[in-house]
N, C-alpha and C. Protein backbone atom coordinates (compact mmCIF):
# COMPACT_ATOMS: atom_id res chain seq x y z
N UNK A 1 0.81 -1.20 0.00
CA UNK A 1 0.00 0.00 0.00
C UNK A 1 0.85 1.26 0.00
N UNK A 2 2.05 1.22 0.58
CA UNK A 2 2.83 2.45 0.72
C UNK A 2 3.26 3.02 -0.63
N UNK A 3 3.61 2.17 -1.61
CA UNK A 3 3.96 2.69 -2.93
C UNK A 3 2.73 3.34 -3.57
N UNK A 4 1.57 2.79 -3.33
CA UNK A 4 0.34 3.41 -3.82
C UNK A 4 0.14 4.77 -3.15
N UNK A 5 0.44 4.86 -1.86
CA UNK A 5 0.34 6.13 -1.15
C UNK A 5 1.30 7.17 -1.73
N UNK A 6 2.51 6.72 -2.06
CA UNK A 6 3.49 7.62 -2.69
C UNK A 6 2.91 8.19 -3.98
N UNK A 7 2.29 7.34 -4.77
CA UNK A 7 1.72 7.79 -6.05
C UNK A 7 0.55 8.74 -5.83
N UNK A 8 -0.26 8.50 -4.81
CA UNK A 8 -1.36 9.42 -4.49
C UNK A 8 -0.80 10.81 -4.21
N UNK A 9 0.22 10.88 -3.38
CA UNK A 9 0.82 12.17 -3.01
C UNK A 9 1.49 12.81 -4.23
N UNK A 10 2.16 12.03 -5.04
CA UNK A 10 2.80 12.57 -6.24
C UNK A 10 1.76 13.22 -7.16
N UNK A 11 0.61 12.56 -7.30
CA UNK A 11 -0.47 13.11 -8.15
C UNK A 11 -1.01 14.43 -7.59
N UNK A 12 -1.03 14.57 -6.27
CA UNK A 12 -1.49 15.82 -5.67
C UNK A 12 -0.64 16.99 -6.15
N UNK A 13 0.68 16.84 -6.07
CA UNK A 13 1.57 17.93 -6.47
C UNK A 13 1.49 18.21 -7.96
N UNK A 14 1.39 17.18 -8.76
CA UNK A 14 1.26 17.38 -10.20
C UNK A 14 -0.01 18.18 -10.49
N UNK A 15 -1.10 17.81 -9.84
CA UNK A 15 -2.36 18.52 -10.06
C UNK A 15 -2.28 19.96 -9.55
N UNK A 16 -1.66 20.17 -8.40
CA UNK A 16 -1.53 21.53 -7.87
C UNK A 16 -0.73 22.40 -8.83
N UNK A 17 0.32 21.85 -9.41
CA UNK A 17 1.13 22.62 -10.36
C UNK A 17 0.37 22.98 -11.63
N UNK A 18 -0.71 22.26 -11.89
CA UNK A 18 -1.54 22.56 -13.07
C UNK A 18 -2.86 23.23 -12.67
N UNK A 19 -2.96 23.64 -11.41
CA UNK A 19 -4.18 24.27 -10.88
C UNK A 19 -5.42 23.43 -11.16
N UNK A 20 -5.25 22.13 -11.10
CA UNK A 20 -6.37 21.20 -11.30
C UNK A 20 -6.87 20.78 -9.92
N UNK A 21 -7.76 21.60 -9.36
CA UNK A 21 -8.21 21.40 -7.99
C UNK A 21 -8.95 20.09 -7.80
N UNK A 22 -9.75 19.71 -8.77
CA UNK A 22 -10.50 18.45 -8.65
C UNK A 22 -9.54 17.27 -8.56
N UNK A 23 -8.54 17.23 -9.43
CA UNK A 23 -7.57 16.13 -9.41
C UNK A 23 -6.73 16.17 -8.14
N UNK A 24 -6.38 17.37 -7.68
CA UNK A 24 -5.52 17.49 -6.50
C UNK A 24 -6.17 16.87 -5.26
N UNK A 25 -7.48 16.97 -5.18
CA UNK A 25 -8.16 16.52 -3.97
C UNK A 25 -9.07 15.33 -4.19
N UNK A 26 -8.95 14.66 -5.33
CA UNK A 26 -9.83 13.52 -5.59
C UNK A 26 -9.58 12.35 -4.65
N UNK A 27 -8.38 12.23 -4.11
CA UNK A 27 -8.07 11.13 -3.19
C UNK A 27 -8.13 11.57 -1.73
N UNK A 28 -8.79 12.70 -1.48
CA UNK A 28 -8.87 13.21 -0.11
C UNK A 28 -10.17 12.79 0.56
N UNK A 29 -10.07 12.50 1.85
CA UNK A 29 -11.27 12.29 2.66
C UNK A 29 -12.00 13.62 2.78
N UNK A 30 -13.31 13.61 2.91
CA UNK A 30 -14.06 14.86 3.03
C UNK A 30 -13.61 15.73 4.20
N UNK A 31 -13.11 15.10 5.28
CA UNK A 31 -12.67 15.87 6.45
C UNK A 31 -11.16 16.07 6.48
N UNK A 32 -10.54 16.13 5.30
CA UNK A 32 -9.11 16.38 5.19
C UNK A 32 -8.71 17.55 6.09
N UNK A 33 -7.59 17.38 6.78
CA UNK A 33 -7.10 18.42 7.69
C UNK A 33 -5.76 18.93 7.20
N UNK A 34 -5.60 20.25 7.20
CA UNK A 34 -4.33 20.89 6.85
C UNK A 34 -3.84 21.65 8.06
N UNK A 35 -2.58 21.42 8.41
CA UNK A 35 -1.98 22.10 9.55
C UNK A 35 -0.83 22.96 9.04
N UNK A 36 -1.08 24.27 8.87
CA UNK A 36 0.00 25.16 8.43
C UNK A 36 1.04 25.33 9.54
N UNK A 37 2.22 25.81 9.19
CA UNK A 37 3.24 26.04 10.23
C UNK A 37 2.82 27.19 11.14
N UNK A 38 3.35 27.18 12.36
CA UNK A 38 3.01 28.22 13.34
C UNK A 38 3.36 29.62 12.82
N UNK A 39 4.44 29.72 12.02
CA UNK A 39 4.88 31.04 11.57
C UNK A 39 4.10 31.54 10.36
N UNK A 40 3.16 30.77 9.88
CA UNK A 40 2.33 31.19 8.75
C UNK A 40 1.38 32.29 9.19
N UNK A 41 1.12 33.28 8.31
CA UNK A 41 0.15 34.32 8.67
C UNK A 41 -1.23 33.74 8.99
N UNK A 42 -1.55 32.62 8.37
CA UNK A 42 -2.81 31.92 8.66
C UNK A 42 -2.43 30.56 9.20
N UNK A 43 -2.22 30.47 10.52
CA UNK A 43 -1.68 29.24 11.10
C UNK A 43 -2.74 28.35 11.73
N UNK A 44 -4.00 28.73 11.62
CA UNK A 44 -5.07 27.89 12.20
C UNK A 44 -5.27 26.65 11.34
N UNK A 45 -5.61 25.55 11.99
CA UNK A 45 -5.92 24.31 11.27
C UNK A 45 -7.09 24.54 10.34
N UNK A 46 -7.02 23.87 9.20
CA UNK A 46 -8.07 23.98 8.20
C UNK A 46 -8.66 22.58 8.04
N UNK A 47 -9.98 22.47 8.11
CA UNK A 47 -10.65 21.16 8.00
C UNK A 47 -11.68 21.17 6.88
N UNK A 48 -11.70 20.05 6.19
CA UNK A 48 -12.66 19.87 5.11
C UNK A 48 -12.04 20.18 3.76
N UNK A 49 -12.35 19.37 2.77
CA UNK A 49 -11.75 19.53 1.44
C UNK A 49 -12.00 20.91 0.88
N UNK A 50 -13.22 21.42 0.98
CA UNK A 50 -13.51 22.73 0.40
C UNK A 50 -12.69 23.83 1.08
N UNK A 51 -12.53 23.75 2.39
CA UNK A 51 -11.75 24.75 3.10
C UNK A 51 -10.26 24.64 2.77
N UNK A 52 -9.77 23.41 2.63
CA UNK A 52 -8.36 23.22 2.27
C UNK A 52 -8.12 23.75 0.85
N UNK A 53 -9.01 23.44 -0.06
CA UNK A 53 -8.89 23.95 -1.43
C UNK A 53 -8.85 25.48 -1.43
N UNK A 54 -9.73 26.09 -0.67
CA UNK A 54 -9.78 27.55 -0.59
C UNK A 54 -8.48 28.11 0.00
N UNK A 55 -7.95 27.45 1.02
CA UNK A 55 -6.70 27.89 1.65
C UNK A 55 -5.55 27.82 0.65
N UNK A 56 -5.45 26.70 -0.07
CA UNK A 56 -4.37 26.54 -1.05
C UNK A 56 -4.51 27.57 -2.16
N UNK A 57 -5.72 27.76 -2.66
CA UNK A 57 -5.95 28.74 -3.73
C UNK A 57 -5.58 30.14 -3.25
N UNK A 58 -5.93 30.47 -2.01
CA UNK A 58 -5.59 31.78 -1.45
C UNK A 58 -4.08 31.95 -1.34
N UNK A 59 -3.38 30.91 -0.92
CA UNK A 59 -1.93 30.98 -0.83
C UNK A 59 -1.31 31.24 -2.21
N UNK A 60 -1.79 30.52 -3.20
CA UNK A 60 -1.26 30.72 -4.56
C UNK A 60 -1.59 32.11 -5.07
N UNK A 61 -2.78 32.59 -4.79
CA UNK A 61 -3.17 33.93 -5.22
C UNK A 61 -2.31 34.99 -4.53
N UNK A 62 -2.03 34.78 -3.26
CA UNK A 62 -1.26 35.74 -2.47
C UNK A 62 0.18 35.84 -2.94
N UNK A 63 0.83 34.70 -3.18
CA UNK A 63 2.25 34.74 -3.50
C UNK A 63 2.54 34.98 -4.97
N UNK A 64 1.59 34.80 -5.83
CA UNK A 64 1.84 34.99 -7.25
C UNK A 64 2.19 33.68 -7.91
N UNK A 65 3.24 33.67 -8.70
CA UNK A 65 3.65 32.48 -9.44
C UNK A 65 4.30 31.49 -8.47
N UNK A 66 3.71 30.31 -8.37
CA UNK A 66 4.19 29.30 -7.42
C UNK A 66 4.27 27.95 -8.12
N UNK A 67 5.42 27.31 -8.00
CA UNK A 67 5.59 25.95 -8.52
C UNK A 67 6.15 25.08 -7.41
N UNK A 68 5.74 23.82 -7.40
CA UNK A 68 6.17 22.88 -6.38
C UNK A 68 6.98 21.77 -7.05
N UNK A 69 8.23 21.64 -6.64
CA UNK A 69 9.07 20.55 -7.13
C UNK A 69 9.20 19.52 -6.03
N UNK A 70 8.82 18.29 -6.33
CA UNK A 70 8.98 17.21 -5.37
C UNK A 70 10.40 16.69 -5.49
N UNK A 71 11.16 16.83 -4.43
CA UNK A 71 12.54 16.35 -4.43
C UNK A 71 12.62 14.90 -3.97
N UNK A 72 11.76 14.54 -3.01
CA UNK A 72 11.78 13.16 -2.51
C UNK A 72 10.48 12.88 -1.77
N UNK A 73 9.98 11.67 -1.95
CA UNK A 73 8.83 11.19 -1.19
C UNK A 73 9.30 9.98 -0.39
N UNK A 74 9.14 10.04 0.93
CA UNK A 74 9.66 9.02 1.82
C UNK A 74 8.50 8.35 2.54
N UNK A 75 8.44 7.04 2.44
CA UNK A 75 7.39 6.25 3.07
C UNK A 75 7.69 6.05 4.55
N UNK A 76 6.65 6.15 5.36
CA UNK A 76 6.76 5.88 6.80
C UNK A 76 5.40 5.38 7.27
N UNK A 77 5.19 4.07 7.19
CA UNK A 77 3.91 3.46 7.54
C UNK A 77 2.80 4.08 6.69
N UNK A 78 1.77 4.65 7.33
CA UNK A 78 0.66 5.25 6.61
C UNK A 78 0.92 6.73 6.30
N UNK A 79 2.17 7.15 6.46
CA UNK A 79 2.54 8.54 6.21
C UNK A 79 3.52 8.62 5.04
N UNK A 80 3.50 9.77 4.40
CA UNK A 80 4.48 10.07 3.35
C UNK A 80 5.07 11.43 3.69
N UNK A 81 6.40 11.48 3.79
CA UNK A 81 7.08 12.75 3.96
C UNK A 81 7.46 13.23 2.56
N UNK A 82 6.99 14.43 2.22
CA UNK A 82 7.31 15.03 0.93
C UNK A 82 8.32 16.14 1.16
N UNK A 83 9.52 15.94 0.64
CA UNK A 83 10.53 16.99 0.68
C UNK A 83 10.36 17.77 -0.61
N UNK A 84 9.97 19.03 -0.46
CA UNK A 84 9.63 19.80 -1.65
C UNK A 84 10.40 21.12 -1.70
N UNK A 85 10.46 21.63 -2.90
CA UNK A 85 11.06 22.95 -3.14
C UNK A 85 9.95 23.81 -3.74
N UNK A 86 9.67 24.91 -3.09
CA UNK A 86 8.71 25.87 -3.60
C UNK A 86 9.47 26.94 -4.37
N UNK A 87 9.06 27.17 -5.60
CA UNK A 87 9.64 28.25 -6.40
C UNK A 87 8.57 29.33 -6.52
N UNK A 88 8.91 30.53 -6.04
CA UNK A 88 7.94 31.60 -5.93
C UNK A 88 8.45 32.85 -6.65
N UNK A 89 7.56 33.48 -7.38
CA UNK A 89 7.82 34.81 -7.94
C UNK A 89 6.64 35.69 -7.52
N UNK A 90 6.85 36.53 -6.50
CA UNK A 90 5.76 37.39 -6.04
C UNK A 90 5.25 38.31 -7.14
N UNK A 91 3.97 38.60 -7.06
CA UNK A 91 3.34 39.48 -8.05
C UNK A 91 4.06 40.83 -8.13
N UNK A 92 4.21 41.30 -9.35
CA UNK A 92 4.79 42.62 -9.57
C UNK A 92 6.29 42.69 -9.40
N UNK A 93 6.96 41.54 -9.32
CA UNK A 93 8.42 41.56 -9.17
C UNK A 93 9.07 40.62 -10.19
N UNK A 94 10.36 40.79 -10.36
CA UNK A 94 11.15 39.87 -11.16
C UNK A 94 11.97 38.95 -10.26
N UNK A 95 11.75 39.05 -8.96
CA UNK A 95 12.53 38.28 -7.99
C UNK A 95 11.99 36.86 -7.88
N UNK A 96 12.90 35.91 -7.89
CA UNK A 96 12.54 34.51 -7.69
C UNK A 96 13.08 34.06 -6.34
N UNK A 97 12.27 33.30 -5.63
CA UNK A 97 12.66 32.76 -4.34
C UNK A 97 12.44 31.26 -4.33
N UNK A 98 13.26 30.58 -3.56
CA UNK A 98 13.08 29.15 -3.36
C UNK A 98 13.03 28.86 -1.87
N UNK A 99 12.12 27.99 -1.52
CA UNK A 99 12.01 27.52 -0.15
C UNK A 99 12.03 26.00 -0.18
N UNK A 100 12.82 25.41 0.68
CA UNK A 100 12.82 23.95 0.81
C UNK A 100 12.14 23.62 2.12
N UNK A 101 10.99 22.96 2.00
CA UNK A 101 10.17 22.64 3.17
C UNK A 101 9.75 21.17 3.07
N UNK A 102 8.90 20.76 3.99
CA UNK A 102 8.38 19.39 3.95
C UNK A 102 6.90 19.38 4.31
N UNK A 103 6.21 18.43 3.74
CA UNK A 103 4.82 18.14 4.10
C UNK A 103 4.79 16.72 4.63
N UNK A 104 4.06 16.52 5.69
CA UNK A 104 3.84 15.18 6.23
C UNK A 104 2.39 14.81 5.97
N UNK A 105 2.19 13.89 5.02
CA UNK A 105 0.85 13.44 4.63
C UNK A 105 0.50 12.18 5.40
N UNK A 106 -0.72 12.13 5.90
CA UNK A 106 -1.24 10.91 6.51
C UNK A 106 -2.34 10.39 5.61
N UNK A 107 -2.30 9.09 5.34
CA UNK A 107 -3.30 8.45 4.49
C UNK A 107 -3.93 7.29 5.24
N UNK A 108 -5.18 7.03 4.92
CA UNK A 108 -5.89 5.89 5.47
C UNK A 108 -6.61 5.22 4.30
N UNK A 109 -6.30 3.96 4.08
CA UNK A 109 -6.90 3.22 2.97
C UNK A 109 -6.74 3.93 1.64
N UNK A 110 -5.56 4.53 1.42
CA UNK A 110 -5.26 5.20 0.16
C UNK A 110 -5.88 6.58 0.02
N UNK A 111 -6.48 7.09 1.08
CA UNK A 111 -7.11 8.41 1.05
C UNK A 111 -6.33 9.39 1.93
N UNK A 112 -6.19 10.61 1.46
CA UNK A 112 -5.51 11.66 2.21
C UNK A 112 -6.39 12.10 3.37
N UNK A 113 -5.83 12.08 4.58
CA UNK A 113 -6.60 12.50 5.74
C UNK A 113 -6.01 13.75 6.41
N UNK A 114 -4.70 13.97 6.19
CA UNK A 114 -4.04 15.07 6.91
C UNK A 114 -2.77 15.48 6.19
N UNK A 115 -2.49 16.78 6.22
CA UNK A 115 -1.22 17.30 5.72
C UNK A 115 -0.71 18.33 6.71
N UNK A 116 0.48 18.10 7.21
CA UNK A 116 1.11 19.06 8.11
C UNK A 116 2.32 19.65 7.41
N UNK A 117 2.42 20.98 7.46
CA UNK A 117 3.49 21.70 6.78
C UNK A 117 4.61 21.99 7.77
N UNK A 118 5.84 21.66 7.36
CA UNK A 118 7.01 21.87 8.21
C UNK A 118 8.04 22.74 7.48
N UNK A 119 8.34 23.94 8.00
CA UNK A 119 9.37 24.76 7.38
C UNK A 119 10.76 24.10 7.45
N UNK A 120 10.99 23.32 8.51
CA UNK A 120 12.26 22.61 8.66
C UNK A 120 12.03 21.14 8.34
N UNK A 121 12.71 20.65 7.34
CA UNK A 121 12.52 19.28 6.88
C UNK A 121 12.79 18.25 7.97
N UNK A 122 13.79 18.51 8.79
CA UNK A 122 14.16 17.57 9.84
C UNK A 122 13.00 17.31 10.79
N UNK A 123 12.20 18.36 11.04
CA UNK A 123 11.07 18.21 11.95
C UNK A 123 9.99 17.29 11.36
N UNK A 124 9.81 17.33 10.05
CA UNK A 124 8.85 16.43 9.40
C UNK A 124 9.33 14.99 9.49
N UNK A 125 10.61 14.80 9.27
CA UNK A 125 11.17 13.44 9.35
C UNK A 125 11.04 12.91 10.77
N UNK A 126 11.30 13.75 11.75
CA UNK A 126 11.17 13.35 13.15
C UNK A 126 9.72 13.03 13.50
N UNK A 127 8.80 13.85 13.04
CA UNK A 127 7.37 13.61 13.31
C UNK A 127 6.90 12.30 12.70
N UNK A 128 7.53 11.88 11.60
CA UNK A 128 7.17 10.63 10.95
C UNK A 128 7.90 9.43 11.56
N UNK A 129 8.74 9.70 12.57
CA UNK A 129 9.47 8.63 13.23
C UNK A 129 10.70 8.18 12.45
N UNK A 130 11.21 9.04 11.58
CA UNK A 130 12.37 8.67 10.74
C UNK A 130 13.68 9.23 11.27
N UNK A 131 13.63 10.03 12.32
CA UNK A 131 14.83 10.58 12.96
C UNK A 131 14.68 10.46 14.46
N UNK A 132 15.82 10.34 15.12
CA UNK A 132 15.76 10.28 16.59
C UNK A 132 16.38 11.51 17.19
């Protein structure tokens, strides 16, 4: 099942990069939970597919041009740690920024149930039980 979970998560990022909201969340449970990092301007937990979709769309609208490069997907039981690189070009600028962060996805029966965002990759690996 874990390789199938890896593919589910991989499809999410591909769909997000193409702004295909239906495909991005087709494998999500209706009560999908998103946990943004504490330092995020909107750090409250987001519950429900529609609310998560709205949050993601708002983030993309706010930052301007955003692309997500998956650098590695690491299996950990029913979790997948996604080491990603965000490439951002804020609206009205020629400046490009890169952020390397991690998402910790939890899946149940091949369905996305939770995504926690970690600005520090090591913390995501530790939360998944992959570091001591």
